[in-house]
Amino acid sequence: QADVLHQLDSTKRYYSLNRNFAPGMARLGVGVWTGDSSPEWWDLAAQPGYMLNWALAGAPYVGSDIGGFSANTTADLLTRWYQVGVFMPIMRVH
């Protein structure tokens, strides 16, 4: 994918958000996310650990579904998601 995009315009850097990762993909502009997060406090609490594990595996560009994926969230929980999201390499609001 990176080779094809580079052939289209070699002056641009491309970015791809994926669910899976293999070592060395970061040099191609690949980011990953932690999967479908629930709009629950326990899932928010788990995100920093997920980020650290991905970073240790060699994936520096990591994000999560800020606010959760599967249902509606509360105002307090969404505020905390944003506060955590500011420190994620990829801040992606779902």
Protein backbone atom coordinates (compact mmCIF):
# COMPACT_ATOMS: atom_id res chain seq x y z
CA GLN A 1 0.00 0.00 0.00
CA ALA A 2 2.78 2.43 0.90
CA ASP A 3 4.60 1.76 -2.38
CA VAL A 4 1.48 2.42 -4.45
CA LEU A 5 0.69 5.65 -2.60
CA HIS A 6 4.31 6.78 -2.94
CA GLN A 7 4.09 6.26 -6.70
CA LEU A 8 1.01 8.49 -6.85
CA ASP A 9 2.75 11.43 -5.17
CA SER A 10 6.24 11.00 -3.75
CA THR A 11 6.15 14.41 -2.04
CA LYS A 12 3.44 13.39 0.43
CA ARG A 13 3.58 11.27 3.58
CA TYR A 14 0.69 8.89 3.92
CA TYR A 15 -1.03 7.63 7.04
CA SER A 16 -3.00 4.45 7.56
CA LEU A 17 -5.00 3.49 10.66
CA ASN A 18 -5.06 -0.27 11.22
CA ARG A 19 -6.33 -2.76 13.73
CA ASN A 20 -3.25 -4.97 13.49
CA PHE A 21 0.46 -4.22 13.52
CA ALA A 22 3.78 -5.83 12.69
CA PRO A 23 7.19 -4.47 13.73
CA GLY A 24 8.50 -2.00 11.18
CA MET A 25 5.11 -0.74 10.06
CA ALA A 26 5.57 2.59 11.88
CA ARG A 27 8.14 3.67 9.29
CA LEU A 28 5.37 3.41 6.69
CA GLY A 29 3.08 5.78 8.61
CA VAL A 30 0.89 3.11 10.13
CA GLY A 31 -1.06 3.82 13.29
CA VAL A 32 -3.11 1.36 15.32
CA TRP A 33 -5.96 1.67 17.74
CA THR A 34 -6.85 -0.34 20.80
CA GLY A 35 -10.03 -1.78 19.33
CA ASP A 36 -13.67 -1.02 19.99
CA SER A 37 -13.81 0.60 23.42
CA SER A 38 -16.88 0.55 25.61
CA PRO A 39 -18.15 3.83 27.04
CA GLU A 40 -17.44 2.54 30.53
CA TRP A 41 -15.10 3.70 33.27
CA TRP A 42 -13.23 0.38 33.39
CA ASP A 43 -12.43 0.58 29.67
CA LEU A 44 -11.15 4.13 30.03
CA ALA A 45 -8.92 3.01 32.92
CA ALA A 46 -7.40 0.27 30.73
CA GLN A 47 -6.37 2.59 27.85
CA PRO A 48 -3.03 3.86 29.27
CA GLY A 49 -1.88 0.27 29.76
CA TYR A 50 -2.88 -0.59 26.21
CA MET A 51 -0.91 2.40 24.92
CA LEU A 52 2.21 1.37 26.81
CA ASN A 53 1.96 -2.23 25.59
CA TRP A 54 1.65 -1.09 21.97
CA ALA A 55 4.62 1.26 22.40
CA LEU A 56 6.73 -1.53 23.87
CA ALA A 57 5.79 -3.68 20.88
CA GLY A 58 7.19 -1.00 18.55
CA ALA A 59 4.01 0.84 17.59
CA PRO A 60 4.51 4.52 18.46
CA TYR A 61 1.29 5.79 16.84
CA VAL A 62 -1.60 4.46 18.94
CA GLY A 63 -5.10 5.72 19.66
CA SER A 64 -8.41 4.50 20.98
CA ASP A 65 -12.09 5.17 20.38
CA ILE A 66 -12.36 8.27 22.57
CA GLY A 67 -15.77 8.28 24.16
CA GLY A 68 -16.41 4.63 23.43
CA PHE A 69 -17.83 2.83 20.43
CA SER A 70 -20.83 0.71 21.28
CA ALA A 71 -23.23 2.99 23.17
CA ASN A 72 -23.80 6.49 24.49
CA THR A 73 -21.54 7.90 27.15
CA THR A 74 -22.13 10.37 29.98
CA ALA A 75 -20.83 13.94 30.08
CA ASP A 76 -18.44 13.19 32.95
CA LEU A 77 -17.04 10.09 31.27
CA LEU A 78 -16.62 11.87 27.92
CA THR A 79 -14.75 14.68 29.65
CA ARG A 80 -12.34 12.15 31.16
CA TRP A 81 -11.91 10.45 27.76
CA TYR A 82 -10.87 13.79 26.27
CA GLN A 83 -8.47 14.43 29.12
CA VAL A 84 -6.78 11.07 28.55
CA GLY A 85 -6.94 11.45 24.76
CA VAL A 86 -4.83 14.59 24.82
CA PHE A 87 -1.86 12.45 25.86
CA MET A 88 -2.40 9.71 23.25
CA PRO A 89 -0.22 9.79 20.13
CA ILE A 90 -3.42 9.70 18.02
CA MET A 91 -6.39 11.63 19.41
CA ARG A 92 -9.34 10.14 17.57
CA VAL A 93 -12.87 10.87 18.71
CA HIS A 94 -15.30 8.16 17.74
